[in-house]
Amino acid sequence: GIGLVPGVFAGSLAATLLHREFRLQ
């Protein structure tokens, strides 16, 4: 679990940046 949580965050961040979907809300 300690590896899972930051991994999920990093995976989502990578997808967001790769597809240019990052937006501060």
PDB file of all heavy atoms in Angstrom:
ATOM      1  N   GLY A   1       0.804  -1.217   0.000  1.00  0.00           N
ATOM      2  CA  GLY A   1       0.000   0.000   0.000  1.00  0.00           C
ATOM      3  C   GLY A   1       0.833   1.262   0.000  1.00  0.00           C
ATOM      4  O   GLY A   1       0.467   2.257  -0.632  1.00  0.00           O
ATOM      5  N   ILE A   2       1.995   1.236   0.720  1.00  0.00           N
ATOM      6  CA  ILE A   2       2.863   2.413   0.762  1.00  0.00           C
ATOM      7  C   ILE A   2       3.428   2.715  -0.620  1.00  0.00           C
ATOM      8  O   ILE A   2       3.659   3.871  -0.976  1.00  0.00           O
ATOM      9  CB  ILE A   2       4.003   2.189   1.778  1.00  0.00           C
ATOM     10  CG1 ILE A   2       3.451   2.142   3.204  1.00  0.00           C
ATOM     11  CG2 ILE A   2       5.058   3.275   1.660  1.00  0.00           C
ATOM     12  CD1 ILE A   2       2.916   3.457   3.706  1.00  0.00           C
ATOM     13  N   GLY A   3       3.640   1.681  -1.430  1.00  0.00           N
ATOM     14  CA  GLY A   3       4.073   1.908  -2.805  1.00  0.00           C
ATOM     15  C   GLY A   3       2.926   2.263  -3.726  1.00  0.00           C
ATOM     16  O   GLY A   3       3.076   3.038  -4.675  1.00  0.00           O
ATOM     17  N   LEU A   4       1.743   1.692  -3.439  1.00  0.00           N
ATOM     18  CA  LEU A   4       0.575   1.867  -4.301  1.00  0.00           C
ATOM     19  C   LEU A   4       0.110   3.316  -4.377  1.00  0.00           C
ATOM     20  O   LEU A   4      -0.113   3.851  -5.476  1.00  0.00           O
ATOM     21  CB  LEU A   4      -0.571   0.987  -3.790  1.00  0.00           C
ATOM     22  CG  LEU A   4      -1.912   1.147  -4.499  1.00  0.00           C
ATOM     23  CD1 LEU A   4      -1.882   0.470  -5.863  1.00  0.00           C
ATOM     24  CD2 LEU A   4      -3.046   0.577  -3.653  1.00  0.00           C
ATOM     25  N   VAL A   5      -0.067   3.972  -3.242  1.00  0.00           N
ATOM     26  CA  VAL A   5      -0.675   5.310  -3.210  1.00  0.00           C
ATOM     27  C   VAL A   5       0.140   6.333  -4.003  1.00  0.00           C
ATOM     28  O   VAL A   5      -0.407   7.005  -4.886  1.00  0.00           O
ATOM     29  CB  VAL A   5      -0.910   5.762  -1.759  1.00  0.00           C
ATOM     30  CG1 VAL A   5      -1.368   7.212  -1.713  1.00  0.00           C
ATOM     31  CG2 VAL A   5      -1.945   4.864  -1.085  1.00  0.00           C
ATOM     32  N   PRO A   6       1.448   6.492  -3.744  1.00  0.00           N
ATOM     33  CA  PRO A   6       2.207   7.431  -4.586  1.00  0.00           C
ATOM     34  C   PRO A   6       2.290   6.976  -6.040  1.00  0.00           C
ATOM     35  O   PRO A   6       2.379   7.803  -6.949  1.00  0.00           O
ATOM     36  CB  PRO A   6       3.594   7.467  -3.934  1.00  0.00           C
ATOM     37  CG  PRO A   6       3.673   6.256  -3.094  1.00  0.00           C
ATOM     38  CD  PRO A   6       2.276   5.944  -2.657  1.00  0.00           C
ATOM     39  N   GLY A   7       2.242   5.656  -6.270  1.00  0.00           N
ATOM     40  CA  GLY A   7       2.250   5.154  -7.638  1.00  0.00           C
ATOM     41  C   GLY A   7       1.018   5.587  -8.411  1.00  0.00           C
ATOM     42  O   GLY A   7       1.104   5.976  -9.581  1.00  0.00           O
ATOM     43  N   VAL A   8      -0.158   5.517  -7.768  1.00  0.00           N
ATOM     44  CA  VAL A   8      -1.398   5.956  -8.406  1.00  0.00           C
ATOM     45  C   VAL A   8      -1.332   7.443  -8.723  1.00  0.00           C
ATOM     46  O   VAL A   8      -1.712   7.883  -9.821  1.00  0.00           O
ATOM     47  CB  VAL A   8      -2.612   5.641  -7.515  1.00  0.00           C
ATOM     48  CG1 VAL A   8      -3.875   6.303  -8.067  1.00  0.00           C
ATOM     49  CG2 VAL A   8      -2.823   4.140  -7.405  1.00  0.00           C
ATOM     50  N   PHE A   9      -0.852   8.224  -7.765  1.00  0.00           N
ATOM     51  CA  PHE A   9      -0.732   9.671  -7.980  1.00  0.00           C
ATOM     52  C   PHE A   9       0.197   9.954  -9.164  1.00  0.00           C
ATOM     53  O   PHE A   9      -0.120  10.767 -10.050  1.00  0.00           O
ATOM     54  CB  PHE A   9      -0.199  10.349  -6.722  1.00  0.00           C
ATOM     55  CG  PHE A   9      -0.159  11.851  -6.793  1.00  0.00           C
ATOM     56  CD1 PHE A   9      -1.242  12.607  -6.380  1.00  0.00           C
ATOM     57  CD2 PHE A   9       0.962  12.515  -7.288  1.00  0.00           C
ATOM     58  CE1 PHE A   9      -1.219  14.000  -6.454  1.00  0.00           C
ATOM     59  CE2 PHE A   9       0.998  13.895  -7.366  1.00  0.00           C
ATOM     60  CZ  PHE A   9      -0.093  14.635  -6.948  1.00  0.00           C
ATOM     61  N   ALA A  10       1.346   9.266  -9.201  1.00  0.00           N
ATOM     62  CA  ALA A  10       2.313   9.481 -10.284  1.00  0.00           C
ATOM     63  C   ALA A  10       1.747   9.039 -11.627  1.00  0.00           C
ATOM     64  O   ALA A  10       1.960   9.699 -12.651  1.00  0.00           O
ATOM     65  CB  ALA A  10       3.609   8.725  -9.979  1.00  0.00           C
ATOM     66  N   GLY A  11       1.019   7.927 -11.640  1.00  0.00           N
ATOM     67  CA  GLY A  11       0.432   7.453 -12.886  1.00  0.00           C
ATOM     68  C   GLY A  11      -0.608   8.419 -13.433  1.00  0.00           C
ATOM     69  O   GLY A  11      -0.660   8.690 -14.641  1.00  0.00           O
ATOM     70  N   SER A  12      -1.442   8.935 -12.537  1.00  0.00           N
ATOM     71  CA  SER A  12      -2.445   9.904 -12.955  1.00  0.00           C
ATOM     72  C   SER A  12      -1.797  11.203 -13.431  1.00  0.00           C
ATOM     73  O   SER A  12      -2.213  11.800 -14.436  1.00  0.00           O
ATOM     74  CB  SER A  12      -3.406  10.191 -11.797  1.00  0.00           C
ATOM     75  OG  SER A  12      -4.345  11.187 -12.151  1.00  0.00           O
ATOM     76  N   LEU A  13      -0.755  11.646 -12.716  1.00  0.00           N
ATOM     77  CA  LEU A  13      -0.046  12.865 -13.106  1.00  0.00           C
ATOM     78  C   LEU A  13       0.598  12.696 -14.476  1.00  0.00           C
ATOM     79  O   LEU A  13       0.538  13.603 -15.324  1.00  0.00           O
ATOM     80  CB  LEU A  13       1.006  13.216 -12.063  1.00  0.00           C
ATOM     81  CG  LEU A  13       1.858  14.465 -12.341  1.00  0.00           C
ATOM     82  CD1 LEU A  13       0.981  15.708 -12.424  1.00  0.00           C
ATOM     83  CD2 LEU A  13       2.923  14.636 -11.265  1.00  0.00           C
ATOM     84  N   ALA A  14       1.205  11.535 -14.707  1.00  0.00           N
ATOM     85  CA  ALA A  14       1.842  11.282 -16.005  1.00  0.00           C
ATOM     86  C   ALA A  14       0.812  11.337 -17.128  1.00  0.00           C
ATOM     87  O   ALA A  14       1.059  11.926 -18.190  1.00  0.00           O
ATOM     88  CB  ALA A  14       2.541   9.924 -15.983  1.00  0.00           C
ATOM     89  N   ALA A  15      -0.351  10.710 -16.919  1.00  0.00           N
ATOM     90  CA  ALA A  15      -1.405  10.736 -17.932  1.00  0.00           C
ATOM     91  C   ALA A  15      -1.894  12.154 -18.176  1.00  0.00           C
ATOM     92  O   ALA A  15      -2.128  12.565 -19.319  1.00  0.00           O
ATOM     93  CB  ALA A  15      -2.560   9.838 -17.497  1.00  0.00           C
ATOM     94  N   THR A  16      -2.044  12.912 -17.093  1.00  0.00           N
ATOM     95  CA  THR A  16      -2.534  14.286 -17.202  1.00  0.00           C
ATOM     96  C   THR A  16      -1.570  15.161 -17.997  1.00  0.00           C
ATOM     97  O   THR A  16      -1.981  15.937 -18.873  1.00  0.00           O
ATOM     98  CB  THR A  16      -2.737  14.876 -15.796  1.00  0.00           C
ATOM     99  OG1 THR A  16      -3.674  14.074 -15.078  1.00  0.00           O
ATOM    100  CG2 THR A  16      -3.250  16.300 -15.870  1.00  0.00           C
ATOM    101  N   LEU A  17      -0.270  15.050 -17.683  1.00  0.00           N
ATOM    102  CA  LEU A  17       0.722  15.866 -18.380  1.00  0.00           C
ATOM    103  C   LEU A  17       0.902  15.409 -19.820  1.00  0.00           C
ATOM    104  O   LEU A  17       1.032  16.243 -20.730  1.00  0.00           O
ATOM    105  CB  LEU A  17       2.055  15.797 -17.628  1.00  0.00           C
ATOM    106  CG  LEU A  17       2.056  16.384 -16.209  1.00  0.00           C
ATOM    107  CD1 LEU A  17       3.411  16.185 -15.551  1.00  0.00           C
ATOM    108  CD2 LEU A  17       1.683  17.863 -16.233  1.00  0.00           C
ATOM    109  N   LEU A  18       0.903  14.100 -20.029  1.00  0.00           N
ATOM    110  CA  LEU A  18       1.102  13.573 -21.380  1.00  0.00           C
ATOM    111  C   LEU A  18      -0.012  14.020 -22.321  1.00  0.00           C
ATOM    112  O   LEU A  18       0.228  14.343 -23.487  1.00  0.00           O
ATOM    113  CB  LEU A  18       1.172  12.041 -21.336  1.00  0.00           C
ATOM    114  CG  LEU A  18       1.408  11.317 -22.671  1.00  0.00           C
ATOM    115  CD1 LEU A  18       2.764  11.708 -23.249  1.00  0.00           C
ATOM    116  CD2 LEU A  18       1.321   9.809 -22.482  1.00  0.00           C
ATOM    117  N   HIS A  19      -1.237  14.053 -21.810  1.00  0.00           N
ATOM    118  CA  HIS A  19      -2.384  14.422 -22.649  1.00  0.00           C
ATOM    119  C   HIS A  19      -2.814  15.877 -22.437  1.00  0.00           C
ATOM    120  O   HIS A  19      -3.904  16.264 -22.850  1.00  0.00           O
ATOM    121  CB  HIS A  19      -3.551  13.470 -22.360  1.00  0.00           C
ATOM    122  CG  HIS A  19      -3.249  12.047 -22.725  1.00  0.00           C
ATOM    123  ND1 HIS A  19      -3.328  11.580 -24.014  1.00  0.00           N
ATOM    124  CD2 HIS A  19      -2.850  10.994 -21.964  1.00  0.00           C
ATOM    125  CE1 HIS A  19      -3.000  10.297 -24.040  1.00  0.00           C
ATOM    126  NE2 HIS A  19      -2.700   9.915 -22.815  1.00  0.00           N
ATOM    127  N   ARG A  20      -1.979  16.646 -21.744  1.00  0.00           N
ATOM    128  CA  ARG A  20      -2.187  18.081 -21.558  1.00  0.00           C
ATOM    129  C   ARG A  20      -3.551  18.394 -20.932  1.00  0.00           C
ATOM    130  O   ARG A  20      -4.301  19.233 -21.424  1.00  0.00           O
ATOM    131  CB  ARG A  20      -2.034  18.820 -22.893  1.00  0.00           C
ATOM    132  CG  ARG A  20      -0.654  18.645 -23.510  1.00  0.00           C
ATOM    133  CD  ARG A  20      -0.534  19.369 -24.825  1.00  0.00           C
ATOM    134  NE  ARG A  20       0.794  19.192 -25.407  1.00  0.00           N
ATOM    135  CZ  ARG A  20       1.196  19.705 -26.574  1.00  0.00           C
ATOM    136  NH1 ARG A  20       0.336  20.448 -27.282  1.00  0.00           N
ATOM    137  NH2 ARG A  20       2.406  19.495 -27.027  1.00  0.00           N
ATOM    138  N   GLU A  21      -3.835  17.703 -19.843  1.00  0.00           N
ATOM    139  CA  GLU A  21      -5.124  17.890 -19.174  1.00  0.00           C
ATOM    140  C   GLU A  21      -4.971  18.493 -17.776  1.00  0.00           C
ATOM    141  O   GLU A  21      -5.951  18.598 -17.044  1.00  0.00           O
ATOM    142  CB  GLU A  21      -5.847  16.540 -19.079  1.00  0.00           C
ATOM    143  CG  GLU A  21      -6.206  15.969 -20.440  1.00  0.00           C
ATOM    144  CD  GLU A  21      -6.773  14.559 -20.372  1.00  0.00           C
ATOM    145  OE1 GLU A  21      -6.681  13.932 -19.287  1.00  0.00           O
ATOM    146  OE2 GLU A  21      -7.306  14.082 -21.378  1.00  0.00           O
ATOM    147  N   PHE A  22      -3.763  18.879 -17.410  1.00  0.00           N
ATOM    148  CA  PHE A  22      -3.550  19.452 -16.077  1.00  0.00           C
ATOM    149  C   PHE A  22      -4.200  20.833 -15.992  1.00  0.00           C
ATOM    150  O   PHE A  22      -3.994  21.681 -16.851  1.00  0.00           O
ATOM    151  CB  PHE A  22      -2.050  19.567 -15.784  1.00  0.00           C
ATOM    152  CG  PHE A  22      -1.745  19.977 -14.370  1.00  0.00           C
ATOM    153  CD1 PHE A  22      -1.620  19.036 -13.365  1.00  0.00           C
ATOM    154  CD2 PHE A  22      -1.591  21.316 -14.042  1.00  0.00           C
ATOM    155  CE1 PHE A  22      -1.342  19.405 -12.072  1.00  0.00           C
ATOM    156  CE2 PHE A  22      -1.317  21.705 -12.740  1.00  0.00           C
ATOM    157  CZ  PHE A  22      -1.190  20.742 -11.745  1.00  0.00           C
ATOM    158  N   ARG A  23      -4.990  21.024 -14.937  1.00  0.00           N
ATOM    159  CA  ARG A  23      -5.677  22.318 -14.773  1.00  0.00           C
ATOM    160  C   ARG A  23      -5.937  22.534 -13.287  1.00  0.00           C
ATOM    161  O   ARG A  23      -6.552  21.704 -12.622  1.00  0.00           O
ATOM    162  CB  ARG A  23      -7.000  22.332 -15.534  1.00  0.00           C
ATOM    163  CG  ARG A  23      -7.727  23.669 -15.479  1.00  0.00           C
ATOM    164  CD  ARG A  23      -8.801  23.717 -16.546  1.00  0.00           C
ATOM    165  NE  ARG A  23      -9.831  22.714 -16.343  1.00  0.00           N
ATOM    166  CZ  ARG A  23     -10.953  22.926 -15.646  1.00  0.00           C
ATOM    167  NH1 ARG A  23     -11.177  24.106 -15.094  1.00  0.00           N
ATOM    168  NH2 ARG A  23     -11.854  21.972 -15.519  1.00  0.00           N
ATOM    169  N   LEU A  24      -5.456  23.651 -12.751  1.00  0.00           N
ATOM    170  CA  LEU A  24      -5.651  23.963 -11.343  1.00  0.00           C
ATOM    171  C   LEU A  24      -7.110  24.310 -11.088  1.00  0.00           C
ATOM    172  O   LEU A  24      -7.699  25.117 -11.799  1.00  0.00           O
ATOM    173  CB  LEU A  24      -4.754  25.127 -10.926  1.00  0.00           C
ATOM    174  CG  LEU A  24      -3.248  24.831 -10.876  1.00  0.00           C
ATOM    175  CD1 LEU A  24      -2.476  26.100 -10.573  1.00  0.00           C
ATOM    176  CD2 LEU A  24      -2.943  23.763  -9.826  1.00  0.00           C
ATOM    177  N   GLN A  25      -7.684  23.675 -10.056  1.00  0.00           N
ATOM    178  CA  GLN A  25      -9.070  23.936  -9.679  1.00  0.00           C
ATOM    179  C   GLN A  25      -9.144  24.036  -8.161  1.00  0.00           C
ATOM    180  O   GLN A  25      -8.542  23.232  -7.457  1.00  0.00           O
ATOM    181  CB  GLN A  25      -9.990  22.798 -10.152  1.00  0.00           C
ATOM    182  CG  GLN A  25      -9.980  22.566 -11.641  1.00  0.00           C
ATOM    183  CD  GLN A  25     -10.834  21.375 -12.027  1.00  0.00           C
ATOM    184  OE1 GLN A  25     -12.058  21.389 -11.849  1.00  0.00           O
ATOM    185  NE2 GLN A  25     -10.213  20.336 -12.553  1.00  0.00           N
TER     186      GLN A  25
END
